[in-house]
Amino acid sequence: MKFFLDTANVEQIRQALDWGLCDGVTTNPSLVAKEGRNMEEAVKEICELVGPDRPVSAEVIAVEHDEIIAEAQERAAWAENVVVKIPLIPEGVKAIKTCTDMGIPINATLIFSCGQALLAAKAGAAYVSPFVGRQDDIGYDGMKSVEQIAQMLYMYDDLNSEIILASARTVEHVIRGTQCGAHICTMGFDTLKQLFKHPLTDIGLDRFLSDYRALQEKLGG
């Protein structure tokens, strides 16, 4: 599974790169606004930081076909590794097909069902992004939709979209994503850090260090 970082915070991305745990980045207007930055400026900096081999998703804000296409072309011109995010709405599906035919890679976003993912995949989206955490918020098991989407895509050779498990808020989301066949998980920096943590790791490390210090003192004495 590839790890994407869901953030517009350059320092978080830099740290994840240093750990070797950043295969790409996803942004959205809310994340960029949180950093108080202009979207074009932020995305260009992130693209340069991660390098040309790591995709960076930048979202359109238009909701009509022609305006979506214009924004998609603009964002695609920012850097060679930009992937344009388009929401799964009727005009968005039409725009996904148009952009794909133009050679612009698309991340179909705001997907909450297998049916929506099917529409995006048939339109040629490079990525489909089912939102897990937001489904959990309203009482659904968001991972069920990821499982259904994975089963669907693996059944048909003509559907070539990769699954980005989005809105992953917990370690369980990430792990279940690996089990059900998501190609990619995009997560916030805090979720990434949670993957490191287990109380027994800390206890074990403290014990090893304590035993080593005791041995050194004994040998020194």
Foldseek 3Di string as FASTA:
>chain_A
DAEAAEALDPVLVLVCVVVVRHQAYEYEPVRCVVVVDDQLVSQLVNDVVVDQRHAYEYEDPDDAQVSRLVVLVVQCVSDVRYAYEFELDVSRLVNLLVCVVVVHAYEHDPDQALVSVVSNQVSPHQAYEHEQVVCVVVPDRSVVRVLVNQVVQVVDPSRNHAYEHENDEAPVSVVSCVVSPHPYYYYHSVRVVVVVDDVVVVVVVVVVVVVVVVVVVVVVD
